[in-house]
Amino acid sequence: MITSYDVILSPVITEKATKLTEANQVVFRVALGATKPSIAKAVEALFKVKVKAVNTLRVKGKKKLFRGKAFERSDFKKAVVTLEEGFQIDITTGL
């Protein structure tokens, strides 16, 4: 059985993601197979908020070098969740 914790992996805490909180949006790293409805349902269940919209983007892994050895970072998926007016998620407090 897939739980909300399997869909929402972690919050994304960057300057750009922090700036989006002013527009009532929160950014999460989600499972690669997660769909927009499942992300919305998971956020509503975990944080007790009302979701207005979900936008997703898939980030391809980069090819990097470490001590002369080549490797590739994993692909991952991000979700930008827009909340209804009056709702807010404070990522710093945790669950």
PDB file of N, CA and C in Angstrom:
ATOM      1  N   MET A   1       0.836  -1.186   0.000  1.00  0.00           N
ATOM      2  CA  MET A   1       0.000   0.000   0.000  1.00  0.00           C
ATOM      3  C   MET A   1       0.880   1.248   0.000  1.00  0.00           C
ATOM      4  N   ILE A   2       0.579   2.175  -0.874  1.00  0.00           N
ATOM      5  CA  ILE A   2       1.372   3.400  -0.982  1.00  0.00           C
ATOM      6  C   ILE A   2       0.826   4.440  -0.010  1.00  0.00           C
ATOM      7  N   THR A   3       1.708   4.981   0.829  1.00  0.00           N
ATOM      8  CA  THR A   3       1.295   6.001   1.794  1.00  0.00           C
ATOM      9  C   THR A   3       1.695   7.383   1.286  1.00  0.00           C
ATOM     10  N   SER A   4       1.248   8.391   2.002  1.00  0.00           N
ATOM     11  CA  SER A   4       1.582   9.769   1.645  1.00  0.00           C
ATOM     12  C   SER A   4       3.081  10.006   1.736  1.00  0.00           C
ATOM     13  N   TYR A   5       3.738   9.295   2.657  1.00  0.00           N
ATOM     14  CA  TYR A   5       5.181   9.443   2.816  1.00  0.00           C
ATOM     15  C   TYR A   5       5.957   8.821   1.656  1.00  0.00           C
ATOM     16  N   ASP A   6       5.336   7.894   0.930  1.00  0.00           N
ATOM     17  CA  ASP A   6       5.973   7.311  -0.249  1.00  0.00           C
ATOM     18  C   ASP A   6       5.891   8.257  -1.438  1.00  0.00           C
ATOM     19  N   VAL A   7       4.879   9.109  -1.465  1.00  0.00           N
ATOM     20  CA  VAL A   7       4.696  10.057  -2.569  1.00  0.00           C
ATOM     21  C   VAL A   7       5.544  11.301  -2.343  1.00  0.00           C
ATOM     22  N   ILE A   8       5.422  11.926  -1.169  1.00  0.00           N
ATOM     23  CA  ILE A   8       6.176  13.138  -0.824  1.00  0.00           C
ATOM     24  C   ILE A   8       7.471  12.695  -0.150  1.00  0.00           C
ATOM     25  N   LEU A   9       8.606  12.917  -0.797  1.00  0.00           N
ATOM     26  CA  LEU A   9       9.884  12.467  -0.245  1.00  0.00           C
ATOM     27  C   LEU A   9      10.510  13.503   0.677  1.00  0.00           C
ATOM     28  N   SER A  10      10.563  14.762   0.236  1.00  0.00           N
ATOM     29  CA  SER A  10      11.162  15.811   1.066  1.00  0.00           C
ATOM     30  C   SER A  10      10.794  17.179   0.510  1.00  0.00           C
ATOM     31  N   PRO A  11      10.876  18.208   1.353  1.00  0.00           N
ATOM     32  CA  PRO A  11      10.682  19.561   0.821  1.00  0.00           C
ATOM     33  C   PRO A  11      11.958  20.028   0.126  1.00  0.00           C
ATOM     34  N   VAL A  12      11.815  20.922  -0.830  1.00  0.00           N
ATOM     35  CA  VAL A  12      12.961  21.518  -1.497  1.00  0.00           C
ATOM     36  C   VAL A  12      13.187  22.876  -0.845  1.00  0.00           C
ATOM     37  N   ILE A  13      14.359  23.060  -0.248  1.00  0.00           N
ATOM     38  CA  ILE A  13      14.659  24.304   0.453  1.00  0.00           C
ATOM     39  C   ILE A  13      15.798  24.996  -0.279  1.00  0.00           C
ATOM     40  N   THR A  14      15.427  25.893  -1.180  1.00  0.00           N
ATOM     41  CA  THR A  14      16.378  26.698  -1.933  1.00  0.00           C
ATOM     42  C   THR A  14      15.873  28.136  -1.898  1.00  0.00           C
ATOM     43  N   GLU A  15      16.675  29.054  -2.396  1.00  0.00           N
ATOM     44  CA  GLU A  15      16.249  30.449  -2.439  1.00  0.00           C
ATOM     45  C   GLU A  15      14.996  30.612  -3.288  1.00  0.00           C
ATOM     46  N   LYS A  16      14.980  29.969  -4.434  1.00  0.00           N
ATOM     47  CA  LYS A  16      13.846  30.094  -5.342  1.00  0.00           C
ATOM     48  C   LYS A  16      12.581  29.482  -4.723  1.00  0.00           C
ATOM     49  N   ALA A  17      12.720  28.326  -4.075  1.00  0.00           N
ATOM     50  CA  ALA A  17      11.573  27.674  -3.449  1.00  0.00           C
ATOM     51  C   ALA A  17      11.055  28.492  -2.269  1.00  0.00           C
ATOM     52  N   THR A  18      11.960  29.125  -1.520  1.00  0.00           N
ATOM     53  CA  THR A  18      11.563  29.963  -0.399  1.00  0.00           C
ATOM     54  C   THR A  18      10.836  31.207  -0.889  1.00  0.00           C
ATOM     55  N   LYS A  19      11.260  31.736  -2.010  1.00  0.00           N
ATOM     56  CA  LYS A  19      10.609  32.914  -2.597  1.00  0.00           C
ATOM     57  C   LYS A  19       9.179  32.580  -3.026  1.00  0.00           C
ATOM     58  N   LEU A  20       8.928  31.342  -3.443  1.00  0.00           N
ATOM     59  CA  LEU A  20       7.594  30.932  -3.885  1.00  0.00           C
ATOM     60  C   LEU A  20       6.573  30.903  -2.747  1.00  0.00           C
ATOM     61  N   THR A  21       7.024  30.832  -1.492  1.00  0.00           N
ATOM     62  CA  THR A  21       6.087  30.815  -0.376  1.00  0.00           C
ATOM     63  C   THR A  21       5.291  32.118  -0.305  1.00  0.00           C
ATOM     64  N   GLU A  22       5.855  33.199  -0.834  1.00  0.00           N
ATOM     65  CA  GLU A  22       5.120  34.469  -0.876  1.00  0.00           C
ATOM     66  C   GLU A  22       3.910  34.363  -1.800  1.00  0.00           C
ATOM     67  N   ALA A  23       3.990  33.520  -2.819  1.00  0.00           N
ATOM     68  CA  ALA A  23       2.891  33.309  -3.761  1.00  0.00           C
ATOM     69  C   ALA A  23       2.016  32.126  -3.338  1.00  0.00           C
ATOM     70  N   ASN A  24       2.135  31.698  -2.075  1.00  0.00           N
ATOM     71  CA  ASN A  24       1.344  30.597  -1.517  1.00  0.00           C
ATOM     72  C   ASN A  24       1.634  29.271  -2.232  1.00  0.00           C
ATOM     73  N   GLN A  25       2.919  29.046  -2.575  1.00  0.00           N
ATOM     74  CA  GLN A  25       3.332  27.810  -3.227  1.00  0.00           C
ATOM     75  C   GLN A  25       4.438  27.140  -2.413  1.00  0.00           C
ATOM     76  N   VAL A  26       4.465  25.807  -2.454  1.00  0.00           N
ATOM     77  CA  VAL A  26       5.473  25.021  -1.747  1.00  0.00           C
ATOM     78  C   VAL A  26       6.048  24.010  -2.737  1.00  0.00           C
ATOM     79  N   VAL A  27       7.364  23.754  -2.646  1.00  0.00           N
ATOM     80  CA  VAL A  27       8.027  22.822  -3.575  1.00  0.00           C
ATOM     81  C   VAL A  27       8.441  21.572  -2.803  1.00  0.00           C
ATOM     82  N   PHE A  28       8.111  20.403  -3.366  1.00  0.00           N
ATOM     83  CA  PHE A  28       8.465  19.118  -2.770  1.00  0.00           C
ATOM     84  C   PHE A  28       9.193  18.261  -3.792  1.00  0.00           C
ATOM     85  N   ARG A  29      10.071  17.405  -3.294  1.00  0.00           N
ATOM     86  CA  ARG A  29      10.656  16.349  -4.107  1.00  0.00           C
ATOM     87  C   ARG A  29       9.732  15.151  -3.955  1.00  0.00           C
ATOM     88  N   VAL A  30       9.286  14.580  -5.065  1.00  0.00           N
ATOM     89  CA  VAL A  30       8.295  13.507  -5.014  1.00  0.00           C
ATOM     90  C   VAL A  30       8.813  12.273  -5.754  1.00  0.00           C
ATOM     91  N   ALA A  31       8.114  11.168  -5.585  1.00  0.00           N
ATOM     92  CA  ALA A  31       8.481   9.921  -6.253  1.00  0.00           C
ATOM     93  C   ALA A  31       8.333  10.077  -7.756  1.00  0.00           C
ATOM     94  N   LEU A  32       9.169   9.385  -8.518  1.00  0.00           N
ATOM     95  CA  LEU A  32       9.140   9.493  -9.980  1.00  0.00           C
ATOM     96  C   LEU A  32       7.802   9.066 -10.570  1.00  0.00           C
ATOM     97  N   GLY A  33       7.146   8.116  -9.969  1.00  0.00           N
ATOM     98  CA  GLY A  33       5.881   7.624 -10.500  1.00  0.00           C
ATOM     99  C   GLY A  33       4.657   8.351  -9.973  1.00  0.00           C
ATOM    100  N   ALA A  34       4.864   9.390  -9.170  1.00  0.00           N
ATOM    101  CA  ALA A  34       3.736  10.103  -8.564  1.00  0.00           C
ATOM    102  C   ALA A  34       2.987  10.929  -9.608  1.00  0.00           C
ATOM    103  N   THR A  35       1.663  10.927  -9.502  1.00  0.00           N
ATOM    104  CA  THR A  35       0.831  11.717 -10.397  1.00  0.00           C
ATOM    105  C   THR A  35       0.349  12.972  -9.673  1.00  0.00           C
ATOM    106  N   LYS A  36      -0.154  13.939 -10.430  1.00  0.00           N
ATOM    107  CA  LYS A  36      -0.634  15.186  -9.826  1.00  0.00           C
ATOM    108  C   LYS A  36      -1.754  14.947  -8.811  1.00  0.00           C
ATOM    109  N   PRO A  37      -2.759  14.099  -9.124  1.00  0.00           N
ATOM    110  CA  PRO A  37      -3.805  13.848  -8.122  1.00  0.00           C
ATOM    111  C   PRO A  37      -3.271  13.165  -6.856  1.00  0.00           C
ATOM    112  N   SER A  38      -2.329  12.236  -7.015  1.00  0.00           N
ATOM    113  CA  SER A  38      -1.785  11.559  -5.831  1.00  0.00           C
ATOM    114  C   SER A  38      -0.939  12.508  -4.989  1.00  0.00           C
ATOM    115  N   ILE A  39      -0.237  13.448  -5.633  1.00  0.00           N
ATOM    116  CA  ILE A  39       0.550  14.449  -4.900  1.00  0.00           C
ATOM    117  C   ILE A  39      -0.379  15.373  -4.127  1.00  0.00           C
ATOM    118  N   ALA A  40      -1.454  15.821  -4.775  1.00  0.00           N
ATOM    119  CA  ALA A  40      -2.410  16.705  -4.112  1.00  0.00           C
ATOM    120  C   ALA A  40      -3.047  16.018  -2.910  1.00  0.00           C
ATOM    121  N   LYS A  41      -3.427  14.751  -3.081  1.00  0.00           N
ATOM    122  CA  LYS A  41      -4.052  14.004  -1.990  1.00  0.00           C
ATOM    123  C   LYS A  41      -3.075  13.810  -0.822  1.00  0.00           C
ATOM    124  N   ALA A  42      -1.804  13.531  -1.129  1.00  0.00           N
ATOM    125  CA  ALA A  42      -0.795  13.318  -0.095  1.00  0.00           C
ATOM    126  C   ALA A  42      -0.520  14.604   0.687  1.00  0.00           C
ATOM    127  N   VAL A  43      -0.422  15.733  -0.004  1.00  0.00           N
ATOM    128  CA  VAL A  43      -0.168  17.009   0.673  1.00  0.00           C
ATOM    129  C   VAL A  43      -1.353  17.370   1.564  1.00  0.00           C
ATOM    130  N   GLU A  44      -2.576  17.171   1.079  1.00  0.00           N
ATOM    131  CA  GLU A  44      -3.758  17.464   1.889  1.00  0.00           C
ATOM    132  C   GLU A  44      -3.820  16.575   3.121  1.00  0.00           C
ATOM    133  N   ALA A  45      -3.440  15.305   2.980  1.00  0.00           N
ATOM    134  CA  ALA A  45      -3.486  14.379   4.115  1.00  0.00           C
ATOM    135  C   ALA A  45      -2.392  14.682   5.141  1.00  0.00           C
ATOM    136  N   LEU A  46      -1.192  14.997   4.674  1.00  0.00           N
ATOM    137  CA  LEU A  46      -0.073  15.221   5.595  1.00  0.00           C
ATOM    138  C   LEU A  46      -0.140  16.560   6.316  1.00  0.00           C
ATOM    139  N   PHE A  47      -0.517  17.602   5.604  1.00  0.00           N
ATOM    140  CA  PHE A  47      -0.422  18.948   6.169  1.00  0.00           C
ATOM    141  C   PHE A  47      -1.773  19.572   6.510  1.00  0.00           C
ATOM    142  N   LYS A  48      -2.888  18.883   6.252  1.00  0.00           N
ATOM    143  CA  LYS A  48      -4.237  19.385   6.555  1.00  0.00           C
ATOM    144  C   LYS A  48      -4.488  20.743   5.908  1.00  0.00           C
ATOM    145  N   VAL A  49      -4.192  20.838   4.619  1.00  0.00           N
ATOM    146  CA  VAL A  49      -4.403  22.062   3.842  1.00  0.00           C
ATOM    147  C   VAL A  49      -5.243  21.723   2.612  1.00  0.00           C
ATOM    148  N   LYS A  50      -5.685  22.755   1.900  1.00  0.00           N
ATOM    149  CA  LYS A  50      -6.452  22.579   0.665  1.00  0.00           C
ATOM    150  C   LYS A  50      -5.557  22.956  -0.507  1.00  0.00           C
ATOM    151  N   VAL A  51      -5.397  22.032  -1.473  1.00  0.00           N
ATOM    152  CA  VAL A  51      -4.520  22.244  -2.623  1.00  0.00           C
ATOM    153  C   VAL A  51      -5.333  22.811  -3.781  1.00  0.00           C
ATOM    154  N   LYS A  52      -4.808  23.880  -4.372  1.00  0.00           N
ATOM    155  CA  LYS A  52      -5.463  24.510  -5.525  1.00  0.00           C
ATOM    156  C   LYS A  52      -4.967  23.892  -6.835  1.00  0.00           C
ATOM    157  N   ALA A  53      -3.640  23.720  -6.971  1.00  0.00           N
ATOM    158  CA  ALA A  53      -3.057  23.180  -8.203  1.00  0.00           C
ATOM    159  C   ALA A  53      -1.724  22.520  -7.911  1.00  0.00           C
ATOM    160  N   VAL A  54      -1.316  21.619  -8.801  1.00  0.00           N
ATOM    161  CA  VAL A  54      -0.022  20.946  -8.702  1.00  0.00           C
ATOM    162  C   VAL A  54       0.653  21.005 -10.063  1.00  0.00           C
ATOM    163  N   ASN A  55       1.878  21.498 -10.103  1.00  0.00           N
ATOM    164  CA  ASN A  55       2.695  21.481 -11.316  1.00  0.00           C
ATOM    165  C   ASN A  55       3.908  20.601 -11.038  1.00  0.00           C
ATOM    166  N   THR A  56       4.240  19.729 -11.980  1.00  0.00           N
ATOM    167  CA  THR A  56       5.376  18.827 -11.779  1.00  0.00           C
ATOM    168  C   THR A  56       6.419  19.059 -12.852  1.00  0.00           C
ATOM    169  N   LEU A  57       7.663  18.744 -12.504  1.00  0.00           N
ATOM    170  CA  LEU A  57       8.734  18.770 -13.481  1.00  0.00           C
ATOM    171  C   LEU A  57       9.722  17.665 -13.146  1.00  0.00           C
ATOM    172  N   ARG A  58      10.257  17.068 -14.181  1.00  0.00           N
ATOM    173  CA  ARG A  58      11.196  15.970 -14.019  1.00  0.00           C
ATOM    174  C   ARG A  58      12.588  16.499 -14.301  1.00  0.00           C
ATOM    175  N   VAL A  59      13.494  16.320 -13.350  1.00  0.00           N
ATOM    176  CA  VAL A  59      14.865  16.815 -13.473  1.00  0.00           C
ATOM    177  C   VAL A  59      15.756  15.646 -13.855  1.00  0.00           C
ATOM    178  N   LYS A  60      16.413  15.752 -14.987  1.00  0.00           N
ATOM    179  CA  LYS A  60      17.307  14.702 -15.454  1.00  0.00           C
ATOM    180  C   LYS A  60      18.627  14.768 -14.682  1.00  0.00           C
ATOM    181  N   GLY A  61      19.202  13.612 -14.377  1.00  0.00           N
ATOM    182  CA  GLY A  61      20.468  13.556 -13.659  1.00  0.00           C
ATOM    183  C   GLY A  61      21.625  14.047 -14.512  1.00  0.00           C
ATOM    184  N   LYS A  62      22.566  14.724 -13.863  1.00  0.00           N
ATOM    185  CA  LYS A  62      23.730  15.260 -14.580  1.00  0.00           C
ATOM    186  C   LYS A  62      24.874  14.257 -14.577  1.00  0.00           C
ATOM    187  N   LYS A  63      25.709  14.348 -15.583  1.00  0.00           N
ATOM    188  CA  LYS A  63      26.942  13.562 -15.597  1.00  0.00           C
ATOM    189  C   LYS A  63      28.010  14.374 -14.877  1.00  0.00           C
ATOM    190  N   LYS A  64      28.670  13.762 -13.892  1.00  0.00           N
ATOM    191  CA  LYS A  64      29.658  14.456 -13.071  1.00  0.00           C
ATOM    192  C   LYS A  64      30.935  13.627 -12.980  1.00  0.00           C
ATOM    193  N   LEU A  65      31.980  14.250 -12.484  1.00  0.00           N
ATOM    194  CA  LEU A  65      33.244  13.580 -12.198  1.00  0.00           C
ATOM    195  C   LEU A  65      33.559  13.718 -10.716  1.00  0.00           C
ATOM    196  N   PHE A  66      34.055  12.639 -10.116  1.00  0.00           N
ATOM    197  CA  PHE A  66      34.502  12.674  -8.735  1.00  0.00           C
ATOM    198  C   PHE A  66      35.825  11.925  -8.673  1.00  0.00           C
ATOM    199  N   ARG A  67      36.912  12.644  -8.400  1.00  0.00           N
ATOM    200  CA  ARG A  67      38.258  12.067  -8.369  1.00  0.00           C
ATOM    201  C   ARG A  67      38.587  11.338  -9.658  1.00  0.00           C
ATOM    202  N   GLY A  68      38.176  11.909 -10.775  1.00  0.00           N
ATOM    203  CA  GLY A  68      38.482  11.345 -12.078  1.00  0.00           C
ATOM    204  C   GLY A  68      37.545  10.250 -12.539  1.00  0.00           C
ATOM    205  N   LYS A  69      36.619   9.822 -11.686  1.00  0.00           N
ATOM    206  CA  LYS A  69      35.664   8.767 -12.044  1.00  0.00           C
ATOM    207  C   LYS A  69      34.345   9.412 -12.456  1.00  0.00           C
ATOM    208  N   ALA A  70      33.818   8.974 -13.573  1.00  0.00           N
ATOM    209  CA  ALA A  70      32.550   9.507 -14.066  1.00  0.00           C
ATOM    210  C   ALA A  70      31.386   8.789 -13.393  1.00  0.00           C
ATOM    211  N   PHE A  71      30.352   9.542 -13.080  1.00  0.00           N
ATOM    212  CA  PHE A  71      29.114   8.962 -12.574  1.00  0.00           C
ATOM    213  C   PHE A  71      27.970   9.876 -12.985  1.00  0.00           C
ATOM    214  N   GLU A  72      26.748   9.391 -12.808  1.00  0.00           N
ATOM    215  CA  GLU A  72      25.576  10.172 -13.177  1.00  0.00           C
ATOM    216  C   GLU A  72      24.632  10.270 -11.985  1.00  0.00           C
ATOM    217  N   ARG A  73      24.184  11.479 -11.700  1.00  0.00           N
ATOM    218  CA  ARG A  73      23.216  11.675 -10.633  1.00  0.00           C
ATOM    219  C   ARG A  73      21.872  11.091 -11.047  1.00  0.00           C
ATOM    220  N   SER A  74      21.073  10.716 -10.077  1.00  0.00           N
ATOM    221  CA  SER A  74      19.764  10.130 -10.349  1.00  0.00           C
ATOM    222  C   SER A  74      18.779  11.177 -10.851  1.00  0.00           C
ATOM    223  N   ASP A  75      17.832  10.747 -11.677  1.00  0.00           N
ATOM    224  CA  ASP A  75      16.721  11.600 -12.071  1.00  0.00           C
ATOM    225  C   ASP A  75      15.799  11.752 -10.864  1.00  0.00           C
ATOM    226  N   PHE A  76      15.108  12.893 -10.784  1.00  0.00           N
ATOM    227  CA  PHE A  76      14.107  13.055  -9.741  1.00  0.00           C
ATOM    228  C   PHE A  76      12.995  13.955 -10.232  1.00  0.00           C
ATOM    229  N   LYS A  77      11.912  13.981  -9.479  1.00  0.00           N
ATOM    230  CA  LYS A  77      10.733  14.743  -9.858  1.00  0.00           C
ATOM    231  C   LYS A  77      10.422  15.742  -8.763  1.00  0.00           C
ATOM    232  N   LYS A  78      10.104  16.980  -9.173  1.00  0.00           N
ATOM    233  CA  LYS A  78       9.715  18.028  -8.232  1.00  0.00           C
ATOM    234  C   LYS A  78       8.261  18.391  -8.477  1.00  0.00           C
ATOM    235  N   ALA A  79       7.583  18.812  -7.429  1.00  0.00           N
ATOM    236  CA  ALA A  79       6.202  19.261  -7.542  1.00  0.00           C
ATOM    237  C   ALA A  79       6.076  20.628  -6.887  1.00  0.00           C
ATOM    238  N   VAL A  80       5.509  21.576  -7.633  1.00  0.00           N
ATOM    239  CA  VAL A  80       5.205  22.899  -7.087  1.00  0.00           C
ATOM    240  C   VAL A  80       3.716  22.883  -6.765  1.00  0.00           C
ATOM    241  N   VAL A  81       3.398  22.928  -5.466  1.00  0.00           N
ATOM    242  CA  VAL A  81       2.021  22.819  -5.002  1.00  0.00           C
ATOM    243  C   VAL A  81       1.511  24.209  -4.645  1.00  0.00           C
ATOM    244  N   THR A  82       0.436  24.630  -5.304  1.00  0.00           N
ATOM    245  CA  THR A  82      -0.204  25.910  -4.994  1.00  0.00           C
ATOM    246  C   THR A  82      -1.342  25.638  -4.025  1.00  0.00           C
ATOM    247  N   LEU A  83      -1.346  26.375  -2.915  1.00  0.00           N
ATOM    248  CA  LEU A  83      -2.357  26.188  -1.880  1.00  0.00           C
ATOM    249  C   LEU A  83      -3.499  27.179  -2.053  1.00  0.00           C
ATOM    250  N   GLU A  84      -4.680  26.789  -1.571  1.00  0.00           N
ATOM    251  CA  GLU A  84      -5.834  27.687  -1.586  1.00  0.00           C
ATOM    252  C   GLU A  84      -5.540  28.884  -0.684  1.00  0.00           C
ATOM    253  N   GLU A  85      -6.242  29.974  -0.928  1.00  0.00           N
ATOM    254  CA  GLU A  85      -6.087  31.198  -0.137  1.00  0.00           C
ATOM    255  C   GLU A  85      -6.412  30.905   1.326  1.00  0.00           C
ATOM    256  N   GLY A  86      -5.567  31.378   2.236  1.00  0.00           N
ATOM    257  CA  GLY A  86      -5.795  31.178   3.661  1.00  0.00           C
ATOM    258  C   GLY A  86      -5.062  29.986   4.249  1.00  0.00           C
ATOM    259  N   PHE A  87      -4.491  29.122   3.415  1.00  0.00           N
ATOM    260  CA  PHE A  87      -3.731  27.966   3.900  1.00  0.00           C
ATOM    261  C   PHE A  87      -2.241  28.230   3.727  1.00  0.00           C
ATOM    262  N   GLN A  88      -1.447  27.624   4.628  1.00  0.00           N
ATOM    263  CA  GLN A  88      -0.003  27.838   4.593  1.00  0.00           C
ATOM    264  C   GLN A  88       0.687  26.617   5.188  1.00  0.00           C
ATOM    265  N   ILE A  89       1.860  26.280   4.645  1.00  0.00           N
ATOM    266  CA  ILE A  89       2.673  25.178   5.177  1.00  0.00           C
ATOM    267  C   ILE A  89       3.996  25.761   5.618  1.00  0.00           C
ATOM    268  N   ASP A  90       4.367  25.494   6.881  1.00  0.00           N
ATOM    269  CA  ASP A  90       5.665  25.932   7.385  1.00  0.00           C
ATOM    270  C   ASP A  90       6.596  24.731   7.358  1.00  0.00           C
ATOM    271  N   ILE A  91       7.469  24.680   6.375  1.00  0.00           N
ATOM    272  CA  ILE A  91       8.364  23.532   6.170  1.00  0.00           C
ATOM    273  C   ILE A  91       9.362  23.381   7.315  1.00  0.00           C
ATOM    274  N   THR A  92       9.758  24.472   7.927  1.00  0.00           N
ATOM    275  CA  THR A  92      10.803  24.412   8.952  1.00  0.00           C
ATOM    276  C   THR A  92      10.359  23.701  10.224  1.00  0.00           C
ATOM    277  N   THR A  93       9.058  23.605  10.488  1.00  0.00           N
ATOM    278  CA  THR A  93       8.607  22.967  11.722  1.00  0.00           C
ATOM    279  C   THR A  93       8.604  21.453  11.622  1.00  0.00           C
ATOM    280  N   GLY A  94       8.442  20.897  10.416  1.00  0.00           N
ATOM    281  CA  GLY A  94       8.414  19.449  10.242  1.00  0.00           C
ATOM    282  C   GLY A  94       7.049  18.885  10.561  1.00  0.00           C
ATOM    283  N   LEU A  95       6.956  17.555  10.533  1.00  0.00           N
ATOM    284  CA  LEU A  95       5.666  16.907  10.794  1.00  0.00           C
ATOM    285  C   LEU A  95       5.588  16.396  12.199  1.00  0.00           C
TER     286      LEU A  95
END
